[in-house]
Amino acid sequence: MDIYSKMSLLFHNDEKMRSVIMSGRLVMPYYAFRGQEAIPSTICAQLRDSDTISTIYRGTHDMLAKGCPVDKLWAELAGRATGTCKGKGGPMHITHPESGMMVTTGIVGSSMPIACGMAWANKLKGTDDVTFAFFGDGATNIGAFHESMNLASVWKLPVVFVCENNLYGEHTKFIETSAVDSVAKRALAYDMPGIKVNGNDVVELYNVVEEAIGRARAGEGPSLIEAVTFRFHGHVFGDDDAYMDAGEKEAHKANDPWPNYRKFLTDGGYATMADLEAIDAGHKEVIEAALVYALESPFPDVKEMYRDVYAEELVA
């Protein structure tokens, strides 16, 4: 039910975000994650507050699943002073260390070396905390992917690399840019487990993630998880998906994790539809309140241009 609650929050937040942008109430780049809700929900339900994540610009679902406050996230997206980065980070640079949501980066592939640094810090501190790096399939052809995998394996870092393979790197199919048919196969070169899993199947994914977390906490080193999924919108919200084959998106929607997990819970007797709808209603209220909070918050003062730049401001 915790996993469902996270999925519900992500689903309804994405629905609201797209609606607000289309209405013109907020103008900003937005990278919709619809269709990928199961992955961070299943992972973050197994993490502690002290465990950390590093994600990318499509990672709004990762941020919320890890516990980033909804109101502060919306305020940051709106460029307001009450946002997680005082309105200066915007959609691509949200961070909330209190929840373990450490870094969002707009540079493809850079979540991985950052995650290695955080995992190294955990090792130096002698904790058994784990770091997760989230990235897309397009990042697996970046040098940082291979460098991070190698370093993590050499130093036995407590890090789990999660490729949310939605089958497209921006506007190009994964199969057209990769020499192998599976990202997980690349783990063999770095002597770590590489597991390909259905990223829309909560139970299958849960078991794989549980094992990877256990390895990392026990000091046995990193793992690579390729969670295969699909995004139901374009690379950036507003593109027309003309690069997708006719009927491709509709075929993948048959495996939509949101209705499928709802059916799993109700069919299995874990919850009634009324239970799930009550959770949905609660999240809708939180999201509506977050939107109001964001739009009523002030923009950053111009003096903020000179803050958070240097440790000490020096007068020229």
C-alpha atoms as a PDB file:
ATOM      1  CA  MET A   1       0.000   0.000   0.000  1.00  0.00           C
ATOM      2  CA  ASP A   2       2.972   2.287   0.566  1.00  0.00           C
ATOM      3  CA  ILE A   3       4.037   1.592  -2.998  1.00  0.00           C
ATOM      4  CA  TYR A   4       0.511   2.354  -4.194  1.00  0.00           C
ATOM      5  CA  SER A   5       0.421   5.612  -2.265  1.00  0.00           C
ATOM      6  CA  LYS A   6       3.642   6.724  -3.937  1.00  0.00           C
ATOM      7  CA  MET A   7       2.373   5.702  -7.374  1.00  0.00           C
ATOM      8  CA  SER A   8      -0.853   7.585  -6.747  1.00  0.00           C
ATOM      9  CA  LEU A   9       1.008  10.744  -5.803  1.00  0.00           C
ATOM     10  CA  LEU A  10       3.185  10.506  -8.903  1.00  0.00           C
ATOM     11  CA  PHE A  11       0.283   9.780 -11.237  1.00  0.00           C
ATOM     12  CA  HIS A  12      -1.876  12.644 -10.022  1.00  0.00           C
ATOM     13  CA  ASN A  13       1.037  15.076  -9.798  1.00  0.00           C
ATOM     14  CA  ASP A  14       1.961  14.440 -13.435  1.00  0.00           C
ATOM     15  CA  GLU A  15      -1.669  14.791 -14.519  1.00  0.00           C
ATOM     16  CA  LYS A  16      -1.925  18.127 -12.708  1.00  0.00           C
ATOM     17  CA  MET A  17       1.425  19.369 -13.941  1.00  0.00           C
ATOM     18  CA  ARG A  18       0.520  18.815 -17.576  1.00  0.00           C
ATOM     19  CA  SER A  19      -2.888  20.387 -17.054  1.00  0.00           C
ATOM     20  CA  VAL A  20      -1.412  23.520 -15.453  1.00  0.00           C
ATOM     21  CA  ILE A  21       1.160  23.932 -18.238  1.00  0.00           C
ATOM     22  CA  MET A  22      -1.495  23.499 -20.943  1.00  0.00           C
ATOM     23  CA  SER A  23      -3.669  26.115 -19.236  1.00  0.00           C
ATOM     24  CA  GLY A  24      -0.770  28.593 -19.309  1.00  0.00           C
ATOM     25  CA  ARG A  25      -0.684  29.062 -15.532  1.00  0.00           C
ATOM     26  CA  LEU A  26       2.959  27.946 -15.497  1.00  0.00           C
ATOM     27  CA  VAL A  27       5.391  28.193 -18.395  1.00  0.00           C
ATOM     28  CA  MET A  28       8.448  25.957 -18.149  1.00  0.00           C
ATOM     29  CA  PRO A  29      10.082  22.899 -19.717  1.00  0.00           C
ATOM     30  CA  TYR A  30       8.590  19.692 -18.368  1.00  0.00           C
ATOM     31  CA  TYR A  31       9.670  16.109 -18.964  1.00  0.00           C
ATOM     32  CA  ALA A  32       6.635  13.918 -18.297  1.00  0.00           C
ATOM     33  CA  PHE A  33       7.288  10.537 -16.696  1.00  0.00           C
ATOM     34  CA  ARG A  34       3.803   9.106 -17.158  1.00  0.00           C
ATOM     35  CA  GLY A  35       4.095   5.332 -17.558  1.00  0.00           C
ATOM     36  CA  GLN A  36       7.188   5.023 -15.359  1.00  0.00           C
ATOM     37  CA  GLU A  37       5.574   5.495 -11.922  1.00  0.00           C
ATOM     38  CA  ALA A  38       6.170   1.951 -10.675  1.00  0.00           C
ATOM     39  CA  ILE A  39       9.963   2.131 -10.722  1.00  0.00           C
ATOM     40  CA  PRO A  40      10.795   4.818  -8.122  1.00  0.00           C
ATOM     41  CA  SER A  41       7.695   3.946  -6.075  1.00  0.00           C
ATOM     42  CA  THR A  42       8.811   0.343  -5.675  1.00  0.00           C
ATOM     43  CA  ILE A  43      12.414   1.320  -4.997  1.00  0.00           C
ATOM     44  CA  CYS A  44      11.873   4.184  -2.582  1.00  0.00           C
ATOM     45  CA  ALA A  45       9.371   2.190  -0.524  1.00  0.00           C
ATOM     46  CA  GLN A  46      12.390   0.076   0.465  1.00  0.00           C
ATOM     47  CA  LEU A  47      14.737   2.978   1.292  1.00  0.00           C
ATOM     48  CA  ARG A  48      15.464   4.793   4.536  1.00  0.00           C
ATOM     49  CA  ASP A  49      15.491   8.574   4.867  1.00  0.00           C
ATOM     50  CA  SER A  50      19.283   8.340   5.195  1.00  0.00           C
ATOM     51  CA  ASP A  51      19.596   6.497   1.875  1.00  0.00           C
ATOM     52  CA  THR A  52      20.220   8.908  -0.980  1.00  0.00           C
ATOM     53  CA  ILE A  53      19.362   9.257  -4.650  1.00  0.00           C
ATOM     54  CA  SER A  54      20.723  11.153  -7.611  1.00  0.00           C
ATOM     55  CA  THR A  55      18.408  11.650 -10.571  1.00  0.00           C
ATOM     56  CA  ILE A  56      17.932  13.493 -13.852  1.00  0.00           C
ATOM     57  CA  TYR A  57      15.648  16.114 -15.366  1.00  0.00           C
ATOM     58  CA  ARG A  58      12.882  13.565 -16.113  1.00  0.00           C
ATOM     59  CA  GLY A  59      13.089  12.467 -12.476  1.00  0.00           C
ATOM     60  CA  THR A  60      10.198  14.352 -10.900  1.00  0.00           C
ATOM     61  CA  HIS A  61       8.733  10.951 -10.045  1.00  0.00           C
ATOM     62  CA  ASP A  62      12.025   9.909  -8.388  1.00  0.00           C
ATOM     63  CA  MET A  63      12.062  13.101  -6.311  1.00  0.00           C
ATOM     64  CA  LEU A  64       8.502  12.730  -5.047  1.00  0.00           C
ATOM     65  CA  ALA A  65       8.853   9.005  -4.373  1.00  0.00           C
ATOM     66  CA  LYS A  66      11.902   9.692  -2.192  1.00  0.00           C
ATOM     67  CA  GLY A  67       9.967  12.216  -0.124  1.00  0.00           C
ATOM     68  CA  CYS A  68      10.648  15.648  -1.596  1.00  0.00           C
ATOM     69  CA  PRO A  69       7.814  17.878  -0.250  1.00  0.00           C
ATOM     70  CA  VAL A  70       5.143  18.467  -2.878  1.00  0.00           C
ATOM     71  CA  ASP A  71       4.658  22.156  -2.060  1.00  0.00           C
ATOM     72  CA  LYS A  72       8.359  22.982  -2.171  1.00  0.00           C
ATOM     73  CA  LEU A  73       8.764  21.047  -5.408  1.00  0.00           C
ATOM     74  CA  TRP A  74       5.923  22.958  -7.092  1.00  0.00           C
ATOM     75  CA  ALA A  75       7.324  26.246  -5.798  1.00  0.00           C
ATOM     76  CA  GLU A  76      10.713  25.438  -7.300  1.00  0.00           C
ATOM     77  CA  LEU A  77       9.154  24.472 -10.615  1.00  0.00           C
ATOM     78  CA  ALA A  78       7.360  27.818 -10.549  1.00  0.00           C
ATOM     79  CA  GLY A  79      10.617  29.664  -9.807  1.00  0.00           C
ATOM     80  CA  ARG A  80       9.476  30.927  -6.421  1.00  0.00           C
ATOM     81  CA  ALA A  81      11.548  31.839  -3.377  1.00  0.00           C
ATOM     82  CA  THR A  82       9.850  29.144  -1.268  1.00  0.00           C
ATOM     83  CA  GLY A  83      11.087  26.350  -3.551  1.00  0.00           C
ATOM     84  CA  THR A  84      13.648  23.730  -2.629  1.00  0.00           C
ATOM     85  CA  CYS A  85      16.399  25.858  -4.180  1.00  0.00           C
ATOM     86  CA  LYS A  86      14.777  29.244  -3.554  1.00  0.00           C
ATOM     87  CA  GLY A  87      13.485  29.334  -7.122  1.00  0.00           C
ATOM     88  CA  LYS A  88      16.980  29.360  -8.617  1.00  0.00           C
ATOM     89  CA  GLY A  89      17.202  25.727  -9.660  1.00  0.00           C
ATOM     90  CA  GLY A  90      14.028  25.276 -11.641  1.00  0.00           C
ATOM     91  CA  PRO A  91      12.776  21.978 -13.085  1.00  0.00           C
ATOM     92  CA  MET A  92      16.239  20.558 -13.806  1.00  0.00           C
ATOM     93  CA  HIS A  93      17.997  21.216 -10.501  1.00  0.00           C
ATOM     94  CA  ILE A  94      15.738  20.281  -7.605  1.00  0.00           C
ATOM     95  CA  THR A  95      17.378  19.053  -4.422  1.00  0.00           C
ATOM     96  CA  HIS A  96      16.062  18.206  -0.965  1.00  0.00           C
ATOM     97  CA  PRO A  97      18.778  16.680   1.255  1.00  0.00           C
ATOM     98  CA  GLU A  98      16.419  16.253   4.218  1.00  0.00           C
ATOM     99  CA  SER A  99      14.611  13.479   2.359  1.00  0.00           C
ATOM    100  CA  GLY A 100      17.724  12.031   0.742  1.00  0.00           C
ATOM    101  CA  MET A 101      16.822  13.535  -2.646  1.00  0.00           C
ATOM    102  CA  MET A 102      20.299  14.947  -3.075  1.00  0.00           C
ATOM    103  CA  VAL A 103      20.797  15.942  -6.695  1.00  0.00           C
ATOM    104  CA  THR A 104      18.859  16.503  -9.902  1.00  0.00           C
ATOM    105  CA  THR A 105      21.017  17.137 -12.928  1.00  0.00           C
ATOM    106  CA  GLY A 106      20.283  18.328 -16.436  1.00  0.00           C
ATOM    107  CA  ILE A 107      23.450  16.747 -17.848  1.00  0.00           C
ATOM    108  CA  VAL A 108      22.840  13.340 -19.396  1.00  0.00           C
ATOM    109  CA  GLY A 109      24.761  10.619 -17.570  1.00  0.00           C
ATOM    110  CA  SER A 110      25.958  12.752 -14.680  1.00  0.00           C
ATOM    111  CA  SER A 111      23.706  11.228 -12.022  1.00  0.00           C
ATOM    112  CA  MET A 112      26.005   8.198 -11.922  1.00  0.00           C
ATOM    113  CA  PRO A 113      29.390   9.703 -10.974  1.00  0.00           C
ATOM    114  CA  ILE A 114      27.611  11.903  -8.429  1.00  0.00           C
ATOM    115  CA  ALA A 115      26.009   8.796  -6.927  1.00  0.00           C
ATOM    116  CA  CYS A 116      29.430   7.158  -6.740  1.00  0.00           C
ATOM    117  CA  GLY A 117      30.662  10.126  -4.712  1.00  0.00           C
ATOM    118  CA  MET A 118      27.754   9.851  -2.302  1.00  0.00           C
ATOM    119  CA  ALA A 119      28.262   6.099  -1.979  1.00  0.00           C
ATOM    120  CA  TRP A 120      31.976   6.659  -1.285  1.00  0.00           C
ATOM    121  CA  ALA A 121      31.006   9.110   1.470  1.00  0.00           C
ATOM    122  CA  ASN A 122      28.754   6.456   3.025  1.00  0.00           C
ATOM    123  CA  LYS A 123      31.626   4.010   2.949  1.00  0.00           C
ATOM    124  CA  LEU A 124      34.019   6.505   4.564  1.00  0.00           C
ATOM    125  CA  LYS A 125      31.480   7.215   7.308  1.00  0.00           C
ATOM    126  CA  GLY A 126      31.103   3.510   7.981  1.00  0.00           C
ATOM    127  CA  THR A 127      27.330   3.437   7.497  1.00  0.00           C
ATOM    128  CA  ASP A 128      25.345   0.839   5.577  1.00  0.00           C
ATOM    129  CA  ASP A 129      23.334   3.500   3.746  1.00  0.00           C
ATOM    130  CA  VAL A 130      22.746   2.960   0.042  1.00  0.00           C
ATOM    131  CA  THR A 131      22.746   5.375  -2.897  1.00  0.00           C
ATOM    132  CA  PHE A 132      20.641   4.978  -6.035  1.00  0.00           C
ATOM    133  CA  ALA A 133      21.470   6.546  -9.385  1.00  0.00           C
ATOM    134  CA  PHE A 134      18.522   6.956 -11.758  1.00  0.00           C
ATOM    135  CA  PHE A 135      19.085   7.544 -15.478  1.00  0.00           C
ATOM    136  CA  GLY A 136      17.604   6.780 -18.878  1.00  0.00           C
ATOM    137  CA  ASP A 137      18.726   4.430 -21.625  1.00  0.00           C
ATOM    138  CA  GLY A 138      20.279   7.297 -23.571  1.00  0.00           C
ATOM    139  CA  ALA A 139      22.799   7.812 -20.775  1.00  0.00           C
ATOM    140  CA  THR A 140      24.219   4.313 -21.133  1.00  0.00           C
ATOM    141  CA  ASN A 141      26.241   5.408 -24.164  1.00  0.00           C
ATOM    142  CA  ILE A 142      27.861   8.248 -22.248  1.00  0.00           C
ATOM    143  CA  GLY A 143      31.400   7.791 -20.928  1.00  0.00           C
ATOM    144  CA  ALA A 144      30.289   8.628 -17.386  1.00  0.00           C
ATOM    145  CA  PHE A 145      28.157   5.467 -17.349  1.00  0.00           C
ATOM    146  CA  HIS A 146      31.143   3.211 -17.970  1.00  0.00           C
ATOM    147  CA  GLU A 147      33.502   5.162 -15.723  1.00  0.00           C
ATOM    148  CA  SER A 148      31.003   5.051 -12.863  1.00  0.00           C
ATOM    149  CA  MET A 149      30.306   1.346 -13.250  1.00  0.00           C
ATOM    150  CA  ASN A 150      34.015   0.560 -13.246  1.00  0.00           C
ATOM    151  CA  LEU A 151      34.824   2.767 -10.244  1.00  0.00           C
ATOM    152  CA  ALA A 152      31.875   1.438  -8.241  1.00  0.00           C
ATOM    153  CA  SER A 153      32.978  -2.131  -8.837  1.00  0.00           C
ATOM    154  CA  VAL A 154      36.667  -1.502  -8.101  1.00  0.00           C
ATOM    155  CA  TRP A 155      35.841   0.215  -4.796  1.00  0.00           C
ATOM    156  CA  LYS A 156      32.833  -2.016  -3.955  1.00  0.00           C
ATOM    157  CA  LEU A 157      30.646   1.046  -3.511  1.00  0.00           C
ATOM    158  CA  PRO A 158      27.170   0.725  -1.947  1.00  0.00           C
ATOM    159  CA  VAL A 159      25.426   2.057  -5.042  1.00  0.00           C
ATOM    160  CA  VAL A 160      22.642   0.720  -7.243  1.00  0.00           C
ATOM    161  CA  PHE A 161      22.450   1.928 -10.841  1.00  0.00           C
ATOM    162  CA  VAL A 162      18.879   2.006 -12.173  1.00  0.00           C
ATOM    163  CA  CYS A 163      18.332   2.501 -15.880  1.00  0.00           C
ATOM    164  CA  GLU A 164      14.706   3.430 -16.498  1.00  0.00           C
ATOM    165  CA  ASN A 165      14.766   2.138 -20.046  1.00  0.00           C
ATOM    166  CA  ASN A 166      11.748   3.726 -21.722  1.00  0.00           C
ATOM    167  CA  LEU A 167      13.109   2.576 -25.107  1.00  0.00           C
ATOM    168  CA  TYR A 168      13.837   6.096 -26.386  1.00  0.00           C
ATOM    169  CA  GLY A 169      16.822   8.372 -25.872  1.00  0.00           C
ATOM    170  CA  GLU A 170      15.163  11.718 -26.578  1.00  0.00           C
ATOM    171  CA  HIS A 171      13.749  11.074 -30.080  1.00  0.00           C
ATOM    172  CA  THR A 172      15.797   8.014 -31.039  1.00  0.00           C
ATOM    173  CA  LYS A 173      15.049   4.355 -30.400  1.00  0.00           C
ATOM    174  CA  PHE A 174      17.314   2.512 -27.996  1.00  0.00           C
ATOM    175  CA  ILE A 175      17.831  -0.336 -30.472  1.00  0.00           C
ATOM    176  CA  GLU A 176      19.255   2.132 -33.017  1.00  0.00           C
ATOM    177  CA  THR A 177      21.958   3.469 -30.704  1.00  0.00           C
ATOM    178  CA  SER A 178      23.097   0.471 -28.665  1.00  0.00           C
ATOM    179  CA  ALA A 179      25.372  -2.375 -29.774  1.00  0.00           C
ATOM    180  CA  VAL A 180      23.655  -4.693 -27.275  1.00  0.00           C
ATOM    181  CA  ASP A 181      19.967  -5.401 -26.892  1.00  0.00           C
ATOM    182  CA  SER A 182      20.035  -5.028 -23.108  1.00  0.00           C
ATOM    183  CA  VAL A 183      21.675  -2.476 -20.812  1.00  0.00           C
ATOM    184  CA  ALA A 184      21.967  -5.148 -18.120  1.00  0.00           C
ATOM    185  CA  LYS A 185      24.457  -7.098 -20.266  1.00  0.00           C
ATOM    186  CA  ARG A 186      26.980  -4.300 -19.826  1.00  0.00           C
ATOM    187  CA  ALA A 187      27.353  -5.127 -16.138  1.00  0.00           C
ATOM    188  CA  LEU A 188      29.381  -8.211 -17.098  1.00  0.00           C
ATOM    189  CA  ALA A 189      32.310  -6.012 -18.136  1.00  0.00           C
ATOM    190  CA  TYR A 190      32.438  -4.537 -14.633  1.00  0.00           C
ATOM    191  CA  ASP A 191      31.991  -7.735 -12.617  1.00  0.00           C
ATOM    192  CA  MET A 192      28.687  -6.769 -11.043  1.00  0.00           C
ATOM    193  CA  PRO A 193      25.182  -8.237 -11.226  1.00  0.00           C
ATOM    194  CA  GLY A 194      23.159  -6.926 -14.142  1.00  0.00           C
ATOM    195  CA  ILE A 195      19.439  -7.650 -14.024  1.00  0.00           C
ATOM    196  CA  LYS A 196      16.843  -6.863 -16.683  1.00  0.00           C
ATOM    197  CA  VAL A 197      13.382  -6.572 -15.162  1.00  0.00           C
ATOM    198  CA  ASN A 198       9.878  -5.548 -16.160  1.00  0.00           C
ATOM    199  CA  GLY A 199       9.790  -2.014 -14.776  1.00  0.00           C
ATOM    200  CA  ASN A 200       5.979  -2.038 -14.830  1.00  0.00           C
ATOM    201  CA  ASP A 201       5.664  -5.161 -12.654  1.00  0.00           C
ATOM    202  CA  VAL A 202       5.836  -4.057  -9.009  1.00  0.00           C
ATOM    203  CA  VAL A 203       6.313  -7.543  -7.526  1.00  0.00           C
ATOM    204  CA  GLU A 204       9.069  -8.573  -9.952  1.00  0.00           C
ATOM    205  CA  LEU A 205      10.837  -5.258  -9.522  1.00  0.00           C
ATOM    206  CA  TYR A 206      10.519  -5.315  -5.727  1.00  0.00           C
ATOM    207  CA  ASN A 207      12.332  -8.638  -5.443  1.00  0.00           C
ATOM    208  CA  VAL A 208      15.186  -7.541  -7.688  1.00  0.00           C
ATOM    209  CA  VAL A 209      15.623  -4.244  -5.846  1.00  0.00           C
ATOM    210  CA  GLU A 210      15.487  -5.935  -2.435  1.00  0.00           C
ATOM    211  CA  GLU A 211      18.400  -8.167  -3.418  1.00  0.00           C
ATOM    212  CA  ALA A 212      20.457  -5.248  -4.784  1.00  0.00           C
ATOM    213  CA  ILE A 213      19.904  -3.220  -1.613  1.00  0.00           C
ATOM    214  CA  GLY A 214      20.929  -6.206   0.499  1.00  0.00           C
ATOM    215  CA  ARG A 215      24.164  -6.609  -1.437  1.00  0.00           C
ATOM    216  CA  ALA A 216      25.007  -2.931  -1.088  1.00  0.00           C
ATOM    217  CA  ARG A 217      24.271  -2.804   2.650  1.00  0.00           C
ATOM    218  CA  ALA A 218      26.377  -5.923   3.219  1.00  0.00           C
ATOM    219  CA  GLY A 219      29.403  -4.358   1.536  1.00  0.00           C
ATOM    220  CA  GLU A 220      29.209  -6.599  -1.519  1.00  0.00           C
ATOM    221  CA  GLY A 221      29.262  -3.733  -3.989  1.00  0.00           C
ATOM    222  CA  PRO A 222      27.100  -2.283  -6.764  1.00  0.00           C
ATOM    223  CA  SER A 223      24.360  -3.662  -8.992  1.00  0.00           C
ATOM    224  CA  LEU A 224      22.891  -2.556 -12.302  1.00  0.00           C
ATOM    225  CA  ILE A 225      19.124  -2.827 -12.774  1.00  0.00           C
ATOM    226  CA  GLU A 226      17.573  -2.282 -16.192  1.00  0.00           C
ATOM    227  CA  ALA A 227      13.892  -1.567 -15.577  1.00  0.00           C
ATOM    228  CA  VAL A 228      12.165  -1.729 -18.958  1.00  0.00           C
ATOM    229  CA  THR A 229       9.190   0.609 -19.282  1.00  0.00           C
ATOM    230  CA  PHE A 230       7.744   3.210 -21.676  1.00  0.00           C
ATOM    231  CA  ARG A 231       6.913   6.896 -21.506  1.00  0.00           C
ATOM    232  CA  PHE A 232       3.474   7.906 -22.689  1.00  0.00           C
ATOM    233  CA  HIS A 233       4.481  11.423 -23.748  1.00  0.00           C
ATOM    234  CA  GLY A 234       7.232  12.924 -25.820  1.00  0.00           C
ATOM    235  CA  HIS A 235      10.788  13.608 -24.739  1.00  0.00           C
ATOM    236  CA  VAL A 236       9.822  17.088 -23.595  1.00  0.00           C
ATOM    237  CA  PHE A 237       6.175  17.853 -22.979  1.00  0.00           C
ATOM    238  CA  GLY A 238       4.689  19.264 -26.150  1.00  0.00           C
ATOM    239  CA  ASP A 239       6.534  17.306 -28.842  1.00  0.00           C
ATOM    240  CA  ASP A 240       4.266  15.350 -31.178  1.00  0.00           C
ATOM    241  CA  ASP A 241       5.829  11.865 -30.872  1.00  0.00           C
ATOM    242  CA  ALA A 242       6.105  11.693 -34.670  1.00  0.00           C
ATOM    243  CA  TYR A 243       9.295   9.648 -34.283  1.00  0.00           C
ATOM    244  CA  MET A 244       7.345   6.740 -32.719  1.00  0.00           C
ATOM    245  CA  ASP A 245       5.917   3.963 -34.861  1.00  0.00           C
ATOM    246  CA  ALA A 246       2.180   4.034 -35.471  1.00  0.00           C
ATOM    247  CA  GLY A 247       0.377   2.198 -32.697  1.00  0.00           C
ATOM    248  CA  GLU A 248       3.537   1.761 -30.602  1.00  0.00           C
ATOM    249  CA  LYS A 249       2.392   3.929 -27.703  1.00  0.00           C
ATOM    250  CA  GLU A 250      -1.089   2.384 -27.669  1.00  0.00           C
ATOM    251  CA  ALA A 251       0.425  -1.102 -27.492  1.00  0.00           C
ATOM    252  CA  HIS A 252       2.547  -0.168 -24.491  1.00  0.00           C
ATOM    253  CA  LYS A 253      -0.401   1.413 -22.706  1.00  0.00           C
ATOM    254  CA  ALA A 254      -1.798  -2.100 -22.342  1.00  0.00           C
ATOM    255  CA  ASN A 255       0.997  -2.563 -19.781  1.00  0.00           C
ATOM    256  CA  ASP A 256       0.303   0.716 -17.978  1.00  0.00           C
ATOM    257  CA  PRO A 257       1.565   0.136 -14.407  1.00  0.00           C
ATOM    258  CA  TRP A 258      -1.023   2.438 -12.809  1.00  0.00           C
ATOM    259  CA  PRO A 259      -4.260   0.552 -13.619  1.00  0.00           C
ATOM    260  CA  ASN A 260      -2.465  -2.797 -13.536  1.00  0.00           C
ATOM    261  CA  TYR A 261      -1.279  -2.319  -9.960  1.00  0.00           C
ATOM    262  CA  ARG A 262      -4.701  -1.088  -8.871  1.00  0.00           C
ATOM    263  CA  LYS A 263      -6.160  -4.302 -10.309  1.00  0.00           C
ATOM    264  CA  PHE A 264      -3.473  -6.397  -8.595  1.00  0.00           C
ATOM    265  CA  LEU A 265      -4.335  -4.917  -5.210  1.00  0.00           C
ATOM    266  CA  THR A 266      -8.092  -5.238  -5.539  1.00  0.00           C
ATOM    267  CA  ASP A 267      -8.077  -8.687  -7.167  1.00  0.00           C
ATOM    268  CA  GLY A 268      -5.686  -9.974  -4.505  1.00  0.00           C
ATOM    269  CA  GLY A 269      -7.791  -8.649  -1.653  1.00  0.00           C
ATOM    270  CA  TYR A 270      -5.072  -6.268  -0.432  1.00  0.00           C
ATOM    271  CA  ALA A 271      -7.381  -3.273  -0.760  1.00  0.00           C
ATOM    272  CA  THR A 272     -10.825  -2.252  -1.945  1.00  0.00           C
ATOM    273  CA  MET A 273     -11.347   0.283  -4.697  1.00  0.00           C
ATOM    274  CA  ALA A 274     -12.737   2.605  -2.018  1.00  0.00           C
ATOM    275  CA  ASP A 275      -9.433   2.309  -0.132  1.00  0.00           C
ATOM    276  CA  LEU A 276      -7.468   3.274  -3.232  1.00  0.00           C
ATOM    277  CA  GLU A 277      -9.777   6.128  -4.155  1.00  0.00           C
ATOM    278  CA  ALA A 278      -9.425   7.543  -0.644  1.00  0.00           C
ATOM    279  CA  ILE A 279      -5.640   7.600  -1.087  1.00  0.00           C
ATOM    280  CA  ASP A 280      -6.058   9.249  -4.492  1.00  0.00           C
ATOM    281  CA  ALA A 281      -8.340  11.912  -3.062  1.00  0.00           C
ATOM    282  CA  GLY A 282      -5.862  12.744  -0.322  1.00  0.00           C
ATOM    283  CA  HIS A 283      -3.048  13.220  -2.812  1.00  0.00           C
ATOM    284  CA  LYS A 284      -5.206  15.380  -5.071  1.00  0.00           C
ATOM    285  CA  GLU A 285      -5.844  17.713  -2.141  1.00  0.00           C
ATOM    286  CA  VAL A 286      -2.137  17.916  -1.345  1.00  0.00           C
ATOM    287  CA  ILE A 287      -1.293  18.690  -4.978  1.00  0.00           C
ATOM    288  CA  GLU A 288      -3.983  21.383  -5.266  1.00  0.00           C
ATOM    289  CA  ALA A 289      -2.673  22.998  -2.072  1.00  0.00           C
ATOM    290  CA  ALA A 290       0.880  22.818  -3.417  1.00  0.00           C
ATOM    291  CA  LEU A 291      -0.149  24.618  -6.607  1.00  0.00           C
ATOM    292  CA  VAL A 292      -1.794  27.408  -4.611  1.00  0.00           C
ATOM    293  CA  TYR A 293       1.285  27.627  -2.358  1.00  0.00           C
ATOM    294  CA  ALA A 294       3.554  27.926  -5.386  1.00  0.00           C
ATOM    295  CA  LEU A 295       1.521  30.553  -7.236  1.00  0.00           C
ATOM    296  CA  GLU A 296       1.052  32.667  -4.106  1.00  0.00           C
ATOM    297  CA  SER A 297       4.738  32.559  -3.172  1.00  0.00           C
ATOM    298  CA  PRO A 298       7.028  35.465  -4.120  1.00  0.00           C
ATOM    299  CA  PHE A 299       9.684  35.367  -6.783  1.00  0.00           C
ATOM    300  CA  PRO A 300      13.298  35.501  -5.523  1.00  0.00           C
ATOM    301  CA  ASP A 301      14.706  38.921  -4.721  1.00  0.00           C
ATOM    302  CA  VAL A 302      17.291  40.166  -7.222  1.00  0.00           C
ATOM    303  CA  LYS A 303      19.901  39.975  -4.433  1.00  0.00           C
ATOM    304  CA  GLU A 304      19.651  36.194  -4.655  1.00  0.00           C
ATOM    305  CA  MET A 305      21.736  36.432  -7.829  1.00  0.00           C
ATOM    306  CA  TYR A 306      24.753  36.963  -5.606  1.00  0.00           C
ATOM    307  CA  ARG A 307      23.935  34.395  -2.924  1.00  0.00           C
ATOM    308  CA  ASP A 308      24.838  30.697  -2.916  1.00  0.00           C
ATOM    309  CA  VAL A 309      27.619  31.458  -5.384  1.00  0.00           C
ATOM    310  CA  TYR A 310      30.637  31.912  -3.124  1.00  0.00           C
ATOM    311  CA  ALA A 311      31.239  30.914   0.492  1.00  0.00           C
ATOM    312  CA  GLU A 312      31.795  34.585   1.301  1.00  0.00           C
ATOM    313  CA  GLU A 313      30.677  37.588  -0.682  1.00  0.00           C
ATOM    314  CA  LEU A 314      33.586  39.952  -1.333  1.00  0.00           C
ATOM    315  CA  VAL A 315      33.078  43.581  -2.306  1.00  0.00           C
ATOM    316  CA  ALA A 316      35.119  44.440  -5.400  1.00  0.00           C
END
